[in-house]
Amino acid sequence: MQISRLLLYLGVGLIYSALAFRGELLRRGALIFSKQNVRPLSSILMIHLEFLTILWGLIWFYPHFEPLLPIWLTDDTFCQGRYYGRWFSLLDCLEPFAMIGMAQIERRWMYVECETDLHR
């Protein structure tokens, strides 16, 4: 049971990191690791670790606050589909969109453009 939980954390962390750093390995699409970004690499990695910690904390805390949520949000028959023998709830279907939103916010925090005064 513990190994499957660890694999869940690692898998979600890898998927989230891919969302947060998408396009950075390409030369044309790189912004975060470009010279126009004034944030140092250590700051970029710290921001990413903070967002990963928040995400992993939410995953860890999810079973504790799930009973407090409305039944229409956590009812396991919402999506009417099966994935490894488990029904999905509306909350399960919304989790990828929450990860995408977090990655967008993180990308905005990691990239600070160098201000140049072109009007002098």
C-alpha atoms as a PDB file:
ATOM      1  CA  MET A   1       0.000   0.000   0.000  1.00  0.00           C
ATOM      2  CA  GLN A   2       2.816   2.418   0.855  1.00  0.00           C
ATOM      3  CA  ILE A   3       4.622   1.783  -2.431  1.00  0.00           C
ATOM      4  CA  SER A   4       1.501   2.574  -4.452  1.00  0.00           C
ATOM      5  CA  ARG A   5       1.066   5.810  -2.480  1.00  0.00           C
ATOM      6  CA  LEU A   6       4.695   6.736  -3.142  1.00  0.00           C
ATOM      7  CA  LEU A   7       4.231   5.993  -6.844  1.00  0.00           C
ATOM      8  CA  LEU A   8       1.142   8.232  -6.843  1.00  0.00           C
ATOM      9  CA  TYR A   9       3.161  11.117  -5.365  1.00  0.00           C
ATOM     10  CA  LEU A  10       6.012  10.584  -7.828  1.00  0.00           C
ATOM     11  CA  GLY A  11       3.671  10.273 -10.805  1.00  0.00           C
ATOM     12  CA  VAL A  12       1.712  13.397  -9.910  1.00  0.00           C
ATOM     13  CA  GLY A  13       4.980  15.252  -9.276  1.00  0.00           C
ATOM     14  CA  LEU A  14       6.355  14.279 -12.685  1.00  0.00           C
ATOM     15  CA  ILE A  15       3.150  15.214 -14.496  1.00  0.00           C
ATOM     16  CA  TYR A  16       2.948  18.517 -12.628  1.00  0.00           C
ATOM     17  CA  SER A  17       6.617  19.299 -13.360  1.00  0.00           C
ATOM     18  CA  ALA A  18       6.011  18.589 -17.038  1.00  0.00           C
ATOM     19  CA  LEU A  19       3.084  21.023 -16.969  1.00  0.00           C
ATOM     20  CA  ALA A  20       5.059  23.701 -15.132  1.00  0.00           C
ATOM     21  CA  PHE A  21       8.142  23.471 -17.362  1.00  0.00           C
ATOM     22  CA  ARG A  22       6.452  22.714 -20.700  1.00  0.00           C
ATOM     23  CA  GLY A  23       8.283  24.254 -23.613  1.00  0.00           C
ATOM     24  CA  GLU A  24      11.415  24.963 -21.607  1.00  0.00           C
ATOM     25  CA  LEU A  25      13.490  22.284 -23.295  1.00  0.00           C
ATOM     26  CA  LEU A  26      12.834  23.842 -26.693  1.00  0.00           C
ATOM     27  CA  ARG A  27      15.136  26.695 -27.656  1.00  0.00           C
ATOM     28  CA  ARG A  28      12.385  28.910 -29.079  1.00  0.00           C
ATOM     29  CA  GLY A  29       9.857  28.451 -26.281  1.00  0.00           C
ATOM     30  CA  ALA A  30      12.164  28.780 -23.294  1.00  0.00           C
ATOM     31  CA  LEU A  31      11.249  31.666 -21.004  1.00  0.00           C
ATOM     32  CA  ILE A  32      11.931  30.483 -17.485  1.00  0.00           C
ATOM     33  CA  PHE A  33      15.517  29.419 -18.176  1.00  0.00           C
ATOM     34  CA  SER A  34      16.229  32.256 -20.631  1.00  0.00           C
ATOM     35  CA  LYS A  35      18.493  35.251 -20.114  1.00  0.00           C
ATOM     36  CA  GLN A  36      15.459  37.580 -20.045  1.00  0.00           C
ATOM     37  CA  ASN A  37      14.409  36.041 -16.721  1.00  0.00           C
ATOM     38  CA  VAL A  38      15.999  37.838 -13.787  1.00  0.00           C
ATOM     39  CA  ARG A  39      15.195  35.073 -11.284  1.00  0.00           C
ATOM     40  CA  PRO A  40      18.180  32.886 -10.408  1.00  0.00           C
ATOM     41  CA  LEU A  41      17.972  29.121 -10.870  1.00  0.00           C
ATOM     42  CA  SER A  42      17.875  28.520  -7.113  1.00  0.00           C
ATOM     43  CA  SER A  43      14.815  30.756  -6.790  1.00  0.00           C
ATOM     44  CA  ILE A  44      13.078  29.014  -9.702  1.00  0.00           C
ATOM     45  CA  LEU A  45      13.686  25.596  -8.153  1.00  0.00           C
ATOM     46  CA  MET A  46      12.514  26.805  -4.736  1.00  0.00           C
ATOM     47  CA  ILE A  47       9.256  28.130  -6.204  1.00  0.00           C
ATOM     48  CA  HIS A  48       8.722  24.804  -7.961  1.00  0.00           C
ATOM     49  CA  LEU A  49       9.391  22.833  -4.759  1.00  0.00           C
ATOM     50  CA  GLU A  50       6.932  25.029  -2.873  1.00  0.00           C
ATOM     51  CA  PHE A  51       4.181  24.376  -5.407  1.00  0.00           C
ATOM     52  CA  LEU A  52       4.979  20.637  -5.420  1.00  0.00           C
ATOM     53  CA  THR A  53       4.746  20.637  -1.625  1.00  0.00           C
ATOM     54  CA  ILE A  54       1.338  22.323  -1.776  1.00  0.00           C
ATOM     55  CA  LEU A  55       0.135  19.805  -4.361  1.00  0.00           C
ATOM     56  CA  TRP A  56       1.442  16.807  -2.407  1.00  0.00           C
ATOM     57  CA  GLY A  57      -0.083  18.225   0.776  1.00  0.00           C
ATOM     58  CA  LEU A  58      -3.472  18.498  -0.904  1.00  0.00           C
ATOM     59  CA  ILE A  59      -3.206  14.907  -2.125  1.00  0.00           C
ATOM     60  CA  TRP A  60      -2.229  13.728   1.358  1.00  0.00           C
ATOM     61  CA  PHE A  61      -5.025  15.725   3.030  1.00  0.00           C
ATOM     62  CA  TYR A  62      -7.725  14.781   0.477  1.00  0.00           C
ATOM     63  CA  PRO A  63      -9.039  11.667   2.314  1.00  0.00           C
ATOM     64  CA  HIS A  64      -9.449  13.747   5.485  1.00  0.00           C
ATOM     65  CA  PHE A  65     -11.566  16.534   4.000  1.00  0.00           C
ATOM     66  CA  GLU A  66     -13.477  14.480   1.400  1.00  0.00           C
ATOM     67  CA  PRO A  67     -16.272  13.598   3.899  1.00  0.00           C
ATOM     68  CA  LEU A  68     -16.792  17.322   4.550  1.00  0.00           C
ATOM     69  CA  LEU A  69     -17.531  18.104   0.878  1.00  0.00           C
ATOM     70  CA  PRO A  70     -21.032  17.933  -0.673  1.00  0.00           C
ATOM     71  CA  ILE A  71     -22.139  14.517  -1.907  1.00  0.00           C
ATOM     72  CA  TRP A  72     -22.685  15.746  -5.486  1.00  0.00           C
ATOM     73  CA  LEU A  73     -18.996  16.623  -5.648  1.00  0.00           C
ATOM     74  CA  THR A  74     -17.684  13.327  -4.293  1.00  0.00           C
ATOM     75  CA  ASP A  75     -20.299  10.851  -5.585  1.00  0.00           C
ATOM     76  CA  ASP A  76     -18.384   8.124  -7.423  1.00  0.00           C
ATOM     77  CA  THR A  77     -20.935   7.675 -10.201  1.00  0.00           C
ATOM     78  CA  PHE A  78     -20.575  11.095 -11.850  1.00  0.00           C
ATOM     79  CA  CYS A  79     -18.423  10.320 -14.891  1.00  0.00           C
ATOM     80  CA  GLN A  80     -19.919   6.855 -15.467  1.00  0.00           C
ATOM     81  CA  GLY A  81     -16.543   5.520 -16.537  1.00  0.00           C
ATOM     82  CA  ARG A  82     -14.184   2.954 -15.128  1.00  0.00           C
ATOM     83  CA  TYR A  83     -10.459   3.264 -14.653  1.00  0.00           C
ATOM     84  CA  TYR A  84      -8.841   0.284 -12.983  1.00  0.00           C
ATOM     85  CA  GLY A  85     -12.178  -0.721 -11.508  1.00  0.00           C
ATOM     86  CA  ARG A  86     -12.853   2.633  -9.799  1.00  0.00           C
ATOM     87  CA  TRP A  87     -15.665   5.036 -10.539  1.00  0.00           C
ATOM     88  CA  PHE A  88     -14.773   8.703 -10.926  1.00  0.00           C
ATOM     89  CA  SER A  89     -16.413  11.549  -9.055  1.00  0.00           C
ATOM     90  CA  LEU A  90     -16.797  15.128 -10.245  1.00  0.00           C
ATOM     91  CA  LEU A  91     -13.944  16.101  -7.930  1.00  0.00           C
ATOM     92  CA  ASP A  92     -11.703  13.454  -9.524  1.00  0.00           C
ATOM     93  CA  CYS A  93     -12.503  14.865 -12.969  1.00  0.00           C
ATOM     94  CA  LEU A  94     -11.681  18.433 -11.865  1.00  0.00           C
ATOM     95  CA  GLU A  95      -8.292  17.617 -10.317  1.00  0.00           C
ATOM     96  CA  PRO A  96      -6.332  17.784 -13.620  1.00  0.00           C
ATOM     97  CA  PHE A  97      -7.754  21.250 -14.267  1.00  0.00           C
ATOM     98  CA  ALA A  98      -6.657  22.345 -10.794  1.00  0.00           C
ATOM     99  CA  MET A  99      -3.139  21.092 -11.563  1.00  0.00           C
ATOM    100  CA  ILE A 100      -3.112  23.034 -14.838  1.00  0.00           C
ATOM    101  CA  GLY A 101      -4.239  26.168 -12.988  1.00  0.00           C
ATOM    102  CA  MET A 102      -1.535  25.746 -10.358  1.00  0.00           C
ATOM    103  CA  ALA A 103       1.086  25.267 -13.084  1.00  0.00           C
ATOM    104  CA  GLN A 104      -0.049  28.481 -14.813  1.00  0.00           C
ATOM    105  CA  ILE A 105       0.240  30.440 -11.574  1.00  0.00           C
ATOM    106  CA  GLU A 106       3.660  28.918 -10.902  1.00  0.00           C
ATOM    107  CA  ARG A 107       4.922  29.816 -14.386  1.00  0.00           C
ATOM    108  CA  ARG A 108       3.960  33.436 -13.770  1.00  0.00           C
ATOM    109  CA  TRP A 109       5.881  33.436 -10.483  1.00  0.00           C
ATOM    110  CA  MET A 110       8.981  31.825 -11.972  1.00  0.00           C
ATOM    111  CA  TYR A 111       9.381  34.225 -14.888  1.00  0.00           C
ATOM    112  CA  VAL A 112      10.243  37.855 -14.144  1.00  0.00           C
ATOM    113  CA  GLU A 113      11.238  39.726 -17.272  1.00  0.00           C
ATOM    114  CA  CYS A 114      14.303  41.919 -17.225  1.00  0.00           C
ATOM    115  CA  GLU A 115      13.252  45.540 -17.333  1.00  0.00           C
ATOM    116  CA  THR A 116      15.225  47.493 -19.908  1.00  0.00           C
ATOM    117  CA  ASP A 117      14.807  51.189 -20.504  1.00  0.00           C
ATOM    118  CA  LEU A 118      14.575  51.546 -24.288  1.00  0.00           C
ATOM    119  CA  HIS A 119      13.482  55.203 -24.226  1.00  0.00           C
ATOM    120  CA  ARG A 120      16.824  56.726 -23.159  1.00  0.00           C
END
